[in-house]
Amino acid sequence: MPHTSIADLVGALPADDTWGPATPTDNMLGGVPYAPFSKGDKLGRMADWTSDSKGGERGGRQQYQRNYRDQQVYGAGASSLFNVQVAEDESSFSVVDNTRASAKRTFGRGGGTVFRGRGQRGGAQRGGRAGFQRVGGGRGQGDRFYDNRSGGGRGNRGGRRFGWRDYDKPQRTREPSVNIRPEWNLLEEVDFTRLLKLNLEAPEGEDLDSYGFMYYYDRSYDKAPVKGGERRLQAPERAAYNVTTSQDPIIQELAEKDQATVFATSDIISMLMCAPRSVYSWDIVVTHQGNKIYFDKREGASLDLVTVNENAIDAPMEMAEAAGKQESINTPNSLAMEATIINHNFALQTVNESQDAKVELNNPNPFYNASEETEPPASKGYKYRRFDMSLERDEEPLNMIIRTEVDAVLKNPVNGEEQQLVLKALNEFDSKAQGSGNALDWRSKLWSQRGAVVATEMKNNSCKLARWTTQAVLAKADGMKLGFVSRANPRNATSHVVLGVVGYKPREFAAQMNLNIGNGWGIVRTIVDRIRALDADEDPEKPKKYLLIKDPNRPVVRLYSLPVNAFEEDEDEEEAEAQAAKEDDEE
C-alpha cells in the first residue's frame, strides 16, 4: 500500500467540512447558540415543571446538593445565553410598591420575622411546622415555636409551647370518680381560675386533744446507701385506719358539745385546698345537718389512693388509650394502688418499734379494739385541732375541727426536744417507660443531683406533694420525710427498694413549691358559705346532702344536690354482694 500522509487526507476532505460543532447556520434550530454540556449529564424530560427552579430556596450554590454531587454543573453559567433581552422601551417601566418595608430585617435571635410552612436553611427557622411562627422581641425567643392562635412568645405569656410529638398524642378522656345520676341537681360550676383568686388569712389552730402513740424515726434511712446496699421495702402487718369524718367517734362527741360548726379530716380537706392543682377526678360528700357541716368521703373513694405523675405532661395512659403499647402495671389505677401500698409500708418500716422508746399521747387509739384485732396497731398519732375561719362580718364565730395525723417522732440533736414527723414516699416505676414524666434515674442521680430529682417530682406530682405538705401544716408537724422508693425490677410491681430519704420543714417546702395555704383556706370558706346560703330558707333540722366533684377532663368543680340516701343504697348492695360471695366461698 503506498504511503499516505496526513496532508493528503486533509486535502481529500471537502472544503466546507471542518472539525468541531456545526456552525449556527447548519443547526437544526437555527440561530440558537451552542450550549456546552458535560459527560455526566443525564437525559431527562424535555420540560420538567415539577423541578424547583428557585436557586435560593434550597440553599447552597447553584442548587448544588450533596445528594447529587455526582452530577457536574459544568456549563451552568452559560444559561444566561437563553435569557430574553428586554427591549429598551420596557427597561424604564416599574411597578409601584405601596407596602411598607421594615427598616431592618433580621433572621437571628430575637428577630420578629414571621415564617410559614417548612423552614429551609436558606433563611427561615429550622424544622418549623406549617402554621407556626417565630415571634420575638427579646433575646433567645427566636428558638421557640408557638401556635399562632395562642399569641405565644415569652413576652406575651399566653402561648403554649408545643413539643415535637404533640401531634402524636392521643386525646385523653378520663372517667369521673362517681357516675352522675339524672336525679341529681347541678347547683353551681366553678372553674379553677376563680378558685385561685380566693384567699383567707391562714389561722394558726389550736390542739383540742390527741390520741394514739408514735415510735421514733430510724435515722439510718437518712444516709445514702452504698452501691447495691438498698433496703428492701417490707410489708409489716399492722392495723391502720382511715375513717371518714361522720363515722369518727371523737368528732361525734365534739359535735354534740358544739365545739365547732364544720368538721373534716386532713386528707379530705387537703384535697379541697389543693383542688386547682388536681387533674384526675375526685369527689367529696358534704352533709349539712342542723348547724353542722361534715366533709366526708365515700367508701373506696379515689381520695384514699395516691396518684402517680398526675401532673406530668405525658401522664400514664389507660390500657384502652395505650392500645397495647403499655403494660397493665403502668396504668394510672395500677400505679395508684401500688403507690398507696408503698406509702403504708414505708411509714411502718422507717420507725424503730421499741416498747421502751414509745411516745404515748393523751388518749389511746380511738379506732383500735384489742379484743377484735389480731394485728398490733400501727405507729400513728391523731391530733384534733380547731381552726377559726371567722371574718369581721360574721355575727357568730365560724370554727372548724380537723382530724390530723402524724407518723413518728424524732429527737432534736441540738435541744433534745421531740419533733413530730409526717412520713410519705415517692415511688419510681420505670424512668424509660411512657408516663415517667422525663424523670431522672433515681439510682444514679438521687444523691448526685438531688435538687433536679426533687424539682422533677414537684412538676410531675404537684397535687400529691401539695396535699402532703398541707396535711403536715394542718397537723403542725415539725418535719416531713420524703422517701424515694423504686421497683427492684421495672417489670415487677410487688418488690421495691428504698433508695433514700430526704427531710424538709413543711412551711419551707410549701414556699419552695409555691403552695399558698391562704388560698386553700379561701376555697374552704367559700364552699362553706355556699352550703350555708343554700339552706338558709329551709328547715335546719332536715339533713341535706351535696356532692362536690372535679370534672375528669376539665379544670372545673361542680356542686350537686343529692337525695339524703344517695350512696346508702350502693353500700347496702355492696354489703349484700360481699355476704353472698362469702357464703359461696364457704360452700
Protein backbone atom coordinates (compact mmCIF):
# COMPACT_ATOMS: atom_id res chain seq x y z
CA MET A 1 0.00 0.00 0.00
CA PRO A 2 1.53 3.36 -0.97
CA HIS A 3 2.37 5.72 1.91
CA THR A 4 -0.34 8.38 2.60
CA SER A 5 0.45 11.49 4.58
CA ILE A 6 -1.88 13.45 6.89
CA ALA A 7 -1.78 16.33 4.45
CA ASP A 8 -3.11 14.08 1.70
CA LEU A 9 -6.02 13.03 3.95
CA VAL A 10 -6.87 16.61 4.87
CA GLY A 11 -6.76 17.64 1.27
CA ALA A 12 -9.14 14.85 0.37
CA LEU A 13 -11.85 16.29 2.65
CA PRO A 14 -14.43 18.70 1.32
CA ALA A 15 -13.57 22.32 1.72
CA ASP A 16 -16.64 23.12 3.83
CA ASP A 17 -16.12 20.22 6.26
CA THR A 18 -14.25 21.18 9.45
CA TRP A 19 -13.66 19.72 12.88
CA GLY A 20 -15.86 20.70 15.85
CA PRO A 21 -19.52 21.55 16.25
CA ALA A 22 -21.65 22.58 13.36
CA THR A 23 -21.98 26.19 12.52
CA PRO A 24 -25.12 28.03 13.57
CA THR A 25 -26.42 28.19 10.01
CA ASP A 26 -26.43 24.40 9.72
CA ASN A 27 -28.00 23.92 13.16
CA MET A 28 -31.44 22.34 13.16
CA LEU A 29 -32.91 25.06 15.33
CA GLY A 30 -31.06 27.81 13.56
CA GLY A 31 -29.95 30.87 15.50
CA VAL A 32 -29.73 29.10 18.83
CA PRO A 33 -26.18 29.31 20.18
CA TYR A 34 -24.32 26.21 21.29
CA ALA A 35 -24.73 25.27 24.95
CA PRO A 36 -21.80 23.35 26.44
CA PHE A 37 -22.56 20.08 28.21
CA SER A 38 -20.89 17.54 30.40
CA LYS A 39 -20.39 13.81 30.10
CA GLY A 40 -22.11 13.40 33.49
CA ASP A 41 -25.34 14.97 32.25
CA LYS A 42 -28.25 12.56 32.03
CA LEU A 43 -31.10 12.68 29.58
CA GLY A 44 -34.32 13.69 31.23
CA ARG A 45 -37.61 15.28 30.36
CA MET A 46 -37.86 17.94 27.68
CA ALA A 47 -39.79 20.14 30.15
CA ASP A 48 -39.91 19.37 33.85
CA TRP A 49 -42.42 21.68 35.52
CA THR A 50 -42.09 19.90 38.91
CA SER A 51 -38.46 20.81 39.46
CA ASP A 52 -37.66 23.68 41.79
CA SER A 53 -36.24 26.49 39.68
CA LYS A 54 -35.56 28.89 42.54
CA GLY A 55 -31.98 28.54 43.42
CA GLY A 56 -32.13 30.50 46.65
CA GLU A 57 -34.74 28.40 48.48
CA ARG A 58 -32.82 25.16 48.75
CA GLY A 59 -29.77 26.92 49.96
CA GLY A 60 -26.31 26.22 48.65
CA ARG A 61 -24.60 27.37 45.47
CA GLN A 62 -26.48 26.92 42.18
CA GLN A 63 -28.78 24.30 43.72
CA TYR A 64 -25.78 22.07 44.33
CA GLN A 65 -26.64 19.40 46.85
CA ARG A 66 -24.52 16.59 48.15
CA ASN A 67 -27.21 14.12 47.14
CA TYR A 68 -26.47 14.99 43.50
CA ARG A 69 -22.77 15.64 43.74
CA ASP A 70 -22.08 13.04 41.04
CA GLN A 71 -23.73 15.35 38.52
CA GLN A 72 -21.38 18.12 37.41
CA VAL A 73 -22.72 21.60 36.94
CA TYR A 74 -20.37 22.21 34.05
CA GLY A 75 -21.70 24.95 31.78
CA ALA A 76 -24.36 26.16 34.20
CA GLY A 77 -23.09 29.71 33.81
CA ALA A 78 -24.00 29.66 30.13
CA SER A 79 -27.75 29.56 30.91
CA SER A 80 -27.79 33.32 30.63
CA LEU A 81 -27.38 32.93 26.90
CA PHE A 82 -31.01 31.88 26.63
CA ASN A 83 -32.41 34.86 28.51
CA VAL A 84 -34.67 37.13 26.50
CA GLN A 85 -33.29 40.63 26.29
CA VAL A 86 -35.75 43.28 27.45
CA ALA A 87 -36.45 45.99 24.95
CA GLU A 88 -35.20 49.46 25.68
CA ASP A 89 -38.70 50.94 25.90
CA GLU A 90 -39.56 48.50 28.72
CA SER A 91 -36.42 48.95 30.77
CA SER A 92 -37.69 52.12 32.38
CA PHE A 93 -41.04 50.59 33.37
CA SER A 94 -41.56 49.60 37.01
CA VAL A 95 -44.44 48.64 39.32
CA VAL A 96 -45.11 50.92 42.27
CA ASP A 97 -44.91 49.02 45.58
CA ASN A 98 -47.16 50.55 48.24
CA THR A 99 -46.20 48.08 51.00
CA ARG A 100 -44.17 49.35 53.95
CA ALA A 101 -40.83 47.73 54.18
CA SER A 102 -39.22 47.16 57.54
CA ALA A 103 -36.18 49.27 58.17
CA LYS A 104 -34.28 46.26 59.42
CA ARG A 105 -34.98 42.59 58.79
CA THR A 106 -33.20 40.14 60.99
CA PHE A 107 -33.05 36.39 60.99
CA GLY A 108 -31.02 35.84 64.11
CA ARG A 109 -32.00 35.73 67.76
CA GLY A 110 -34.83 37.99 68.78
CA GLY A 111 -35.97 38.52 65.20
CA GLY A 112 -39.60 39.37 64.69
CA THR A 113 -39.96 37.90 61.21
CA VAL A 114 -42.89 35.53 60.70
CA PHE A 115 -42.33 32.43 58.59
CA ARG A 116 -44.89 29.90 57.45
CA GLY A 117 -44.51 26.43 56.04
CA ARG A 118 -41.45 24.27 56.48
CA GLY A 119 -38.42 26.42 57.02
CA GLN A 120 -35.30 25.97 54.91
CA ARG A 121 -31.69 26.51 55.73
CA GLY A 122 -31.53 29.43 53.32
CA GLY A 123 -33.19 31.92 55.62
CA ALA A 124 -36.01 30.60 57.80
CA GLN A 125 -36.24 28.65 61.01
CA ARG A 126 -35.15 25.02 61.02
CA GLY A 127 -37.80 22.38 61.15
CA GLY A 128 -40.75 24.73 61.60
CA ARG A 129 -44.18 23.23 61.15
CA ALA A 130 -46.86 24.73 58.92
CA GLY A 131 -48.93 27.36 60.69
CA PHE A 132 -46.25 28.06 63.30
CA GLN A 133 -44.45 31.30 63.71
CA ARG A 134 -41.44 32.64 65.47
CA VAL A 135 -42.29 35.68 67.47
CA GLY A 136 -39.70 37.72 69.19
CA GLY A 137 -38.74 40.84 70.89
CA GLY A 138 -36.30 39.61 73.45
CA ARG A 139 -33.17 37.58 73.47
CA GLY A 140 -33.46 33.89 72.99
CA GLN A 141 -37.04 33.91 71.69
CA GLY A 142 -36.16 33.06 68.14
CA ASP A 143 -35.62 29.41 69.02
CA ARG A 144 -39.07 28.82 70.50
CA PHE A 145 -42.11 27.85 68.46
CA TYR A 146 -45.65 28.68 69.43
CA ASP A 147 -49.01 28.22 67.83
CA ASN A 148 -50.06 31.47 66.20
CA ARG A 149 -53.56 31.19 67.65
CA SER A 150 -52.35 31.41 71.22
CA GLY A 151 -50.28 34.53 70.74
CA GLY A 152 -47.20 32.75 72.14
CA GLY A 153 -43.81 34.27 72.82
CA ARG A 154 -42.14 34.84 76.11
CA GLY A 155 -43.18 38.47 76.14
CA ASN A 156 -46.84 37.61 75.72
CA ARG A 157 -47.02 34.92 78.44
CA GLY A 158 -50.06 33.34 76.83
CA GLY A 159 -48.69 30.86 74.32
CA ARG A 160 -48.49 27.14 74.80
CA ARG A 161 -45.26 25.52 73.81
CA PHE A 162 -45.65 22.55 71.52
CA GLY A 163 -43.42 19.55 71.74
CA TRP A 164 -42.10 17.68 68.76
CA ARG A 165 -44.52 14.80 69.33
CA ASP A 166 -47.65 16.76 70.27
CA TYR A 167 -49.36 15.72 67.06
CA ASP A 168 -48.97 12.06 68.02
CA LYS A 169 -50.53 12.28 71.48
CA PRO A 170 -53.92 10.59 71.95
CA GLN A 171 -56.87 12.53 73.26
CA ARG A 172 -57.29 11.82 76.98
CA THR A 173 -60.83 11.00 78.05
CA ARG A 174 -60.93 10.14 81.74
CA GLU A 175 -63.84 8.73 83.67
CA PRO A 176 -65.42 10.58 86.64
CA SER A 177 -64.83 9.30 90.14
CA VAL A 178 -68.59 8.73 90.52
CA ASN A 179 -71.30 8.47 87.88
CA ILE A 180 -73.66 11.45 87.91
CA ARG A 181 -77.28 10.36 88.12
CA PRO A 182 -80.14 12.15 86.34
CA GLU A 183 -81.99 12.96 89.56
CA TRP A 184 -79.04 14.93 90.94
CA ASN A 185 -79.44 18.67 90.64
CA LEU A 186 -76.49 20.78 89.45
CA LEU A 187 -76.25 23.87 91.64
CA GLU A 188 -73.03 25.56 90.62
CA GLU A 189 -69.96 25.15 88.45
CA VAL A 190 -66.70 26.89 89.33
CA ASP A 191 -63.52 26.83 87.28
CA PHE A 192 -60.05 26.75 88.78
CA THR A 193 -59.27 30.29 87.65
CA ARG A 194 -61.87 31.63 90.08
CA LEU A 195 -60.70 29.33 92.86
CA LEU A 196 -57.13 30.59 92.53
CA LYS A 197 -58.30 34.15 93.24
CA LEU A 198 -59.69 33.26 96.68
CA ASN A 199 -57.68 33.97 99.79
CA LEU A 200 -58.15 33.87 103.55
CA GLU A 201 -55.56 34.53 106.19
CA ALA A 202 -54.49 31.11 107.38
CA PRO A 203 -55.48 30.50 111.03
CA GLU A 204 -52.90 29.02 113.38
CA GLY A 205 -55.17 26.47 115.00
CA GLU A 206 -55.24 25.01 118.50
CA ASP A 207 -54.94 21.42 119.75
CA LEU A 208 -58.07 20.05 121.41
CA ASP A 209 -56.88 16.52 122.18
CA SER A 210 -54.54 13.81 120.89
CA TYR A 211 -54.92 10.05 120.53
CA GLY A 212 -52.70 7.09 119.72
CA PHE A 213 -48.93 6.63 120.07
CA MET A 214 -45.78 7.00 117.93
CA TYR A 215 -42.42 5.30 117.60
CA TYR A 216 -39.12 7.04 116.94
CA TYR A 217 -37.92 7.53 113.39
CA ASP A 218 -34.93 5.44 112.26
CA ARG A 219 -32.19 7.92 111.35
CA SER A 220 -30.22 5.34 109.37
CA TYR A 221 -32.57 5.89 106.40
CA ASP A 222 -31.24 9.44 106.01
CA LYS A 223 -27.82 8.16 104.97
CA ALA A 224 -27.04 7.44 101.34
CA PRO A 225 -26.93 3.67 100.85
CA VAL A 226 -23.80 2.04 99.48
CA LYS A 227 -23.91 0.71 95.93
CA GLY A 228 -26.11 -2.34 95.86
CA GLY A 229 -27.00 -1.93 99.54
CA GLU A 230 -30.53 -0.56 99.19
CA ARG A 231 -33.02 -1.78 101.74
CA ARG A 232 -35.94 -3.89 100.63
CA LEU A 233 -39.35 -2.44 101.39
CA GLN A 234 -41.09 -4.79 103.78
CA ALA A 235 -44.82 -5.24 104.42
CA PRO A 236 -45.33 -5.21 108.21
CA GLU A 237 -48.73 -6.41 109.34
CA ARG A 238 -50.13 -3.56 111.39
CA ALA A 239 -53.65 -2.29 111.95
CA ALA A 240 -54.11 1.11 110.28
CA TYR A 241 -57.32 3.10 109.91
CA ASN A 242 -58.68 5.79 107.61
CA VAL A 243 -62.13 6.56 108.99
CA THR A 244 -64.28 9.21 107.38
CA THR A 245 -65.44 12.31 109.27
CA SER A 246 -69.02 11.46 110.24
CA GLN A 247 -68.02 7.97 111.48
CA ASP A 248 -65.27 9.24 113.77
CA PRO A 249 -66.46 8.81 117.39
CA ILE A 250 -64.29 11.69 118.64
CA ILE A 251 -65.73 14.10 116.07
CA GLN A 252 -69.24 12.98 117.00
CA GLU A 253 -68.55 13.86 120.64
CA LEU A 254 -67.11 17.23 119.72
CA ALA A 255 -70.12 17.98 117.53
CA GLU A 256 -72.51 17.17 120.35
CA LYS A 257 -70.60 19.60 122.57
CA ASP A 258 -70.85 22.36 119.89
CA GLN A 259 -67.11 22.73 119.77
CA ALA A 260 -67.25 23.82 116.08
CA THR A 261 -69.51 24.26 113.07
CA VAL A 262 -67.51 22.47 110.35
CA PHE A 263 -65.81 19.07 110.67
CA ALA A 264 -63.38 17.28 108.37
CA THR A 265 -60.24 15.15 108.20
CA SER A 266 -56.89 16.34 106.89
CA ASP A 267 -56.84 14.01 103.87
CA ILE A 268 -60.28 15.25 102.75
CA ILE A 269 -59.76 18.95 103.40
CA SER A 270 -56.29 18.91 101.81
CA MET A 271 -57.82 17.72 98.54
CA LEU A 272 -60.23 20.65 98.61
CA MET A 273 -57.46 23.11 99.43
CA CYS A 274 -55.28 21.81 96.58
CA ALA A 275 -58.13 21.44 94.08
CA PRO A 276 -56.62 23.82 91.45
CA ARG A 277 -53.60 21.50 91.13
CA SER A 278 -55.63 18.34 90.52
CA VAL A 279 -56.05 16.65 87.14
CA TYR A 280 -57.83 13.39 87.96
CA SER A 281 -61.43 13.31 89.10
CA TRP A 282 -62.28 13.23 92.82
CA ASP A 283 -65.40 13.83 94.88
CA ILE A 284 -66.31 14.95 98.41
CA VAL A 285 -69.68 14.39 100.09
CA VAL A 286 -70.91 17.37 102.14
CA THR A 287 -73.66 16.82 104.72
CA HIS A 288 -75.47 19.75 106.35
CA GLN A 289 -77.48 18.75 109.41
CA GLY A 290 -78.69 21.32 111.90
CA ASN A 291 -75.97 23.94 112.06
CA LYS A 292 -73.18 21.40 111.48
CA ILE A 293 -71.38 20.71 108.17
CA TYR A 294 -69.43 17.48 107.61
CA PHE A 295 -66.97 16.85 104.79
CA ASP A 296 -67.00 13.12 104.10
CA LYS A 297 -65.65 10.66 101.54
CA ARG A 298 -67.36 7.65 100.03
CA GLU A 299 -66.33 4.08 100.75
CA GLY A 300 -63.46 3.21 98.42
CA ALA A 301 -63.24 6.76 97.08
CA SER A 302 -60.36 7.96 94.92
CA LEU A 303 -59.27 10.27 97.76
CA ASP A 304 -57.74 7.28 99.52
CA LEU A 305 -55.44 6.47 96.58
CA VAL A 306 -52.04 8.08 95.99
CA THR A 307 -51.73 9.22 92.39
CA VAL A 308 -48.52 8.88 90.32
CA ASN A 309 -47.35 11.53 87.86
CA GLU A 310 -50.78 13.11 87.80
CA ASN A 311 -49.43 16.49 86.67
CA ALA A 312 -46.89 15.21 84.14
CA ILE A 313 -47.23 16.47 80.56
CA ASP A 314 -47.21 12.88 79.30
CA ALA A 315 -49.12 11.22 82.16
CA PRO A 316 -49.63 7.43 82.33
CA MET A 317 -52.32 6.15 79.99
CA GLU A 318 -55.02 3.57 80.45
CA MET A 319 -54.78 0.32 78.53
CA ALA A 320 -57.59 1.36 76.18
CA GLU A 321 -55.74 4.59 75.34
CA ALA A 322 -52.37 2.96 75.02
CA ALA A 323 -53.70 0.36 72.55
CA GLY A 324 -51.34 -2.34 73.72
CA LYS A 325 -48.24 -0.16 73.94
CA GLN A 326 -48.14 -0.30 77.70
CA GLU A 327 -48.20 -3.00 80.31
CA SER A 328 -51.07 -3.19 82.75
CA ILE A 329 -48.86 -2.44 85.78
CA ASN A 330 -48.16 1.09 84.50
CA THR A 331 -51.74 2.29 84.12
CA PRO A 332 -52.96 5.11 86.43
CA ASN A 333 -55.15 2.80 88.54
CA SER A 334 -52.43 0.18 88.95
CA LEU A 335 -49.82 2.80 89.81
CA ALA A 336 -52.18 4.42 92.33
CA MET A 337 -52.76 1.12 94.13
CA GLU A 338 -49.02 0.42 94.13
CA ALA A 339 -48.21 3.90 95.49
CA THR A 340 -50.84 3.60 98.24
CA ILE A 341 -49.38 0.30 99.46
CA ILE A 342 -45.84 1.75 99.31
CA ASN A 343 -46.84 4.74 101.47
CA HIS A 344 -48.49 2.50 104.03
CA ASN A 345 -45.48 0.17 104.31
CA PHE A 346 -42.88 2.94 104.20
CA ALA A 347 -44.35 4.72 107.25
CA LEU A 348 -44.29 1.44 109.21
CA GLN A 349 -40.79 0.33 108.19
CA THR A 350 -38.91 3.56 108.89
CA VAL A 351 -39.66 3.59 112.64
CA ASN A 352 -37.96 1.67 115.46
CA GLU A 353 -40.67 -0.41 117.11
CA SER A 354 -39.46 -0.47 120.65
CA GLN A 355 -41.85 -0.63 123.59
CA ASP A 356 -39.27 1.12 125.76
CA ALA A 357 -38.98 4.05 123.33
CA LYS A 358 -42.58 4.83 122.51
CA VAL A 359 -44.35 8.19 122.84
CA GLU A 360 -47.85 7.78 124.23
CA LEU A 361 -50.31 10.58 123.52
CA ASN A 362 -53.08 11.74 125.83
CA ASN A 363 -55.54 9.01 124.84
CA PRO A 364 -55.31 5.56 123.22
CA ASN A 365 -56.10 4.92 119.57
CA PRO A 366 -59.87 5.55 119.21
CA PHE A 367 -60.29 3.06 116.34
CA TYR A 368 -58.31 0.11 117.69
CA ASN A 369 -60.14 -2.65 119.54
CA ALA A 370 -57.70 -5.13 121.09
CA SER A 371 -60.41 -7.79 121.54
CA GLU A 372 -61.25 -7.87 117.83
CA GLU A 373 -57.95 -7.08 116.13
CA THR A 374 -55.36 -9.77 115.51
CA GLU A 375 -52.61 -7.36 114.47
CA PRO A 376 -50.88 -4.74 116.64
CA PRO A 377 -51.72 -1.08 115.95
CA ALA A 378 -49.51 0.99 113.67
CA SER A 379 -47.49 3.96 114.83
CA LYS A 380 -49.92 6.83 114.40
CA GLY A 381 -50.89 9.95 116.29
CA TYR A 382 -54.28 11.62 115.79
CA LYS A 383 -54.47 15.30 116.68
CA TYR A 384 -57.86 17.01 116.71
CA ARG A 385 -57.25 20.68 116.01
CA ARG A 386 -59.64 23.63 115.81
CA PHE A 387 -59.24 26.49 113.33
CA ASP A 388 -61.03 29.84 113.45
CA MET A 389 -62.29 30.84 109.97
CA SER A 390 -64.32 33.81 111.19
CA LEU A 391 -64.45 37.13 109.38
CA GLU A 392 -65.28 40.57 110.67
CA ARG A 393 -68.73 40.48 109.05
CA ASP A 394 -69.70 37.24 110.83
CA GLU A 395 -72.21 37.55 113.62
CA GLU A 396 -71.09 34.28 115.19
CA PRO A 397 -67.65 32.66 115.12
CA LEU A 398 -67.08 30.00 112.47
CA ASN A 399 -64.79 27.26 113.74
CA MET A 400 -63.62 24.12 112.00
CA ILE A 401 -62.26 20.94 113.63
CA ILE A 402 -59.90 18.78 111.57
CA ARG A 403 -58.53 15.38 112.49
CA THR A 404 -54.84 15.50 111.57
CA GLU A 405 -52.24 12.71 111.61
CA VAL A 406 -48.54 12.39 112.43
CA ASP A 407 -46.49 9.22 111.93
CA ALA A 408 -43.35 9.35 114.09
CA VAL A 409 -41.23 11.42 116.46
CA LEU A 410 -37.60 12.45 116.29
CA LYS A 411 -35.34 13.95 118.95
CA ASN A 412 -33.74 17.23 118.03
CA PRO A 413 -29.95 16.72 118.35
CA VAL A 414 -29.50 20.37 119.41
CA ASN A 415 -32.00 20.83 122.24
CA GLY A 416 -33.31 17.29 122.71
CA GLU A 417 -36.93 18.24 122.03
CA GLU A 418 -39.25 15.73 120.41
CA GLN A 419 -40.25 16.67 116.89
CA GLN A 420 -43.33 15.21 115.21
CA LEU A 421 -42.87 13.90 111.66
CA VAL A 422 -45.06 13.05 108.68
CA LEU A 423 -43.68 10.12 106.63
CA LYS A 424 -44.50 9.90 102.92
CA ALA A 425 -42.95 8.08 99.96
CA LEU A 426 -42.49 8.92 96.29
CA ASN A 427 -42.23 5.93 94.00
CA GLU A 428 -40.45 5.32 90.70
CA PHE A 429 -41.83 2.65 88.35
CA ASP A 430 -39.66 2.96 85.22
CA SER A 431 -37.72 6.06 84.15
CA LYS A 432 -37.82 4.91 80.50
CA ALA A 433 -41.48 3.94 80.29
CA GLN A 434 -44.32 6.06 78.99
CA GLY A 435 -45.71 8.28 81.72
CA SER A 436 -42.44 8.69 83.63
CA GLY A 437 -42.52 12.44 83.02
CA ASN A 438 -38.86 12.63 81.88
CA ALA A 439 -37.76 11.76 85.41
CA LEU A 440 -34.10 11.09 86.10
CA ASP A 441 -32.88 7.64 87.06
CA TRP A 442 -33.03 7.70 90.85
CA ARG A 443 -30.41 5.01 91.37
CA SER A 444 -27.70 7.09 89.70
CA LYS A 445 -28.96 10.67 90.19
CA LEU A 446 -30.73 10.80 93.57
CA TRP A 447 -27.69 11.78 95.62
CA SER A 448 -25.57 13.42 92.90
CA GLN A 449 -28.45 15.56 91.52
CA ARG A 450 -30.95 15.54 94.35
CA GLY A 451 -32.24 19.04 93.56
CA ALA A 452 -33.05 18.08 89.97
CA VAL A 453 -34.81 14.90 91.10
CA VAL A 454 -36.97 16.76 93.63
CA ALA A 455 -37.76 19.54 91.14
CA THR A 456 -38.95 16.97 88.60
CA GLU A 457 -41.19 15.35 91.21
CA MET A 458 -42.63 18.75 92.12
CA LYS A 459 -43.58 19.19 88.47
CA ASN A 460 -44.95 15.69 87.82
CA ASN A 461 -46.67 15.25 91.23
CA SER A 462 -47.62 18.80 92.12
CA CYS A 463 -51.05 17.89 93.51
CA LYS A 464 -49.83 14.94 95.57
CA LEU A 465 -46.93 16.83 97.16
CA ALA A 466 -49.17 19.85 97.83
CA ARG A 467 -51.66 17.63 99.65
CA TRP A 468 -48.93 16.04 101.79
CA THR A 469 -47.48 19.44 102.66
CA THR A 470 -50.93 20.81 103.52
CA GLN A 471 -51.59 17.85 105.81
CA ALA A 472 -48.28 18.44 107.60
CA VAL A 473 -49.06 22.14 108.05
CA LEU A 474 -52.56 21.40 109.37
CA ALA A 475 -51.10 18.89 111.85
CA LYS A 476 -48.44 21.41 112.88
CA ALA A 477 -45.79 18.80 112.25
CA ASP A 478 -42.17 19.82 112.76
CA GLY A 479 -40.86 17.98 109.70
CA MET A 480 -41.59 15.88 106.64
CA LYS A 481 -39.64 12.84 105.50
CA LEU A 482 -39.95 12.03 101.80
CA GLY A 483 -38.78 8.56 100.87
CA PHE A 484 -37.68 7.62 97.36
CA VAL A 485 -38.83 4.08 96.63
CA SER A 486 -38.18 2.31 93.35
CA ARG A 487 -39.06 -1.06 91.89
CA ALA A 488 -36.41 -3.72 92.25
CA ASN A 489 -37.32 -4.70 88.69
CA PRO A 490 -39.24 -2.29 86.43
CA ARG A 491 -41.46 -5.16 85.29
CA ASN A 492 -42.40 -6.24 88.82
CA ALA A 493 -44.78 -4.04 90.79
CA THR A 494 -44.62 -6.04 94.02
CA SER A 495 -40.93 -5.77 95.00
CA HIS A 496 -39.43 -2.41 95.97
CA VAL A 497 -36.27 -0.93 97.48
CA VAL A 498 -35.75 2.27 99.49
CA LEU A 499 -33.11 4.40 97.74
CA GLY A 500 -33.04 7.26 100.23
CA VAL A 501 -34.98 9.68 102.44
CA VAL A 502 -34.91 13.48 102.32
CA GLY A 503 -36.20 15.71 105.12
CA TYR A 504 -37.97 19.09 104.83
CA LYS A 505 -39.77 21.57 107.03
CA PRO A 506 -43.41 21.79 105.87
CA ARG A 507 -43.70 25.55 105.52
CA GLU A 508 -40.33 25.88 103.80
CA PHE A 509 -41.27 23.11 101.40
CA ALA A 510 -44.62 24.84 100.73
CA ALA A 511 -42.80 28.06 99.84
CA GLN A 512 -40.42 26.11 97.61
CA MET A 513 -43.28 24.68 95.55
CA ASN A 514 -45.36 27.92 95.56
CA LEU A 515 -48.10 26.46 97.73
CA ASN A 516 -50.39 29.16 99.11
CA ILE A 517 -52.11 27.87 102.25
CA GLY A 518 -54.21 31.04 102.41
CA ASN A 519 -55.71 30.24 99.01
CA GLY A 520 -56.72 26.80 100.32
CA TRP A 521 -58.47 28.30 103.31
CA GLY A 522 -60.24 30.74 100.98
CA ILE A 523 -61.59 27.82 98.95
CA VAL A 524 -62.84 26.05 102.09
CA ARG A 525 -64.54 29.17 103.44
CA THR A 526 -66.22 29.84 100.08
CA ILE A 527 -67.66 26.31 99.90
CA VAL A 528 -68.90 26.54 103.50
CA ASP A 529 -70.60 29.88 102.82
CA ARG A 530 -72.23 28.48 99.70
CA ILE A 531 -73.64 25.48 101.59
CA ARG A 532 -74.99 27.67 104.38
CA ALA A 533 -76.59 30.07 101.89
CA LEU A 534 -78.37 27.22 100.07
CA ASP A 535 -80.02 26.00 103.27
CA ALA A 536 -80.77 29.39 104.79
CA ASP A 537 -84.52 29.26 103.98
CA GLU A 538 -85.06 25.57 104.72
CA ASP A 539 -85.69 23.55 107.84
CA PRO A 540 -82.34 23.47 109.69
CA GLU A 541 -83.09 20.10 111.29
CA LYS A 542 -83.68 18.39 107.95
CA PRO A 543 -80.41 16.89 106.71
CA LYS A 544 -79.17 17.92 103.26
CA LYS A 545 -76.50 16.21 101.21
CA TYR A 546 -74.29 17.63 98.45
CA LEU A 547 -71.58 16.30 96.18
CA LEU A 548 -68.52 18.29 95.20
CA ILE A 549 -66.85 16.64 92.20
CA LYS A 550 -63.98 17.59 89.95
CA ASP A 551 -64.66 17.20 86.23
CA PRO A 552 -62.41 14.42 84.86
CA ASN A 553 -61.49 16.29 81.66
CA ARG A 554 -61.80 19.98 82.53
CA PRO A 555 -60.42 22.25 85.30
CA VAL A 556 -63.88 22.65 86.80
CA VAL A 557 -65.52 21.79 90.13
CA ARG A 558 -69.27 21.15 90.25
CA LEU A 559 -71.66 21.16 93.20
CA TYR A 560 -74.67 18.82 93.09
CA SER A 561 -77.65 18.46 95.39
CA LEU A 562 -78.28 14.80 96.29
CA PRO A 563 -81.02 12.80 97.97
CA VAL A 564 -80.20 12.04 101.58
CA ASN A 565 -79.86 8.30 100.86
CA ALA A 566 -77.84 8.80 97.65
CA PHE A 567 -74.98 6.41 98.47
CA GLU A 568 -76.59 4.30 101.17
CA GLU A 569 -78.30 2.03 98.63
CA ASP A 570 -74.99 1.36 96.88
CA GLU A 571 -73.36 0.45 100.19
CA ASP A 572 -76.21 -1.93 101.04
CA GLU A 573 -75.87 -3.61 97.64
CA GLU A 574 -72.11 -3.97 98.07
CA GLU A 575 -72.55 -5.49 101.52
CA ALA A 576 -75.15 -7.92 100.16
CA GLU A 577 -72.84 -8.94 97.31
CA ALA A 578 -69.93 -9.40 99.72
CA GLN A 579 -72.05 -11.53 102.04
CA ALA A 580 -73.24 -13.66 99.12
CA ALA A 581 -69.68 -14.13 97.89
CA LYS A 582 -68.59 -15.14 101.39
CA GLU A 583 -71.35 -17.72 101.62
CA ASP A 584 -70.39 -19.13 98.22
CA ASP A 585 -66.78 -19.49 99.34
CA GLU A 586 -67.84 -21.32 102.49
CA GLU A 587 -69.97 -23.74 100.46
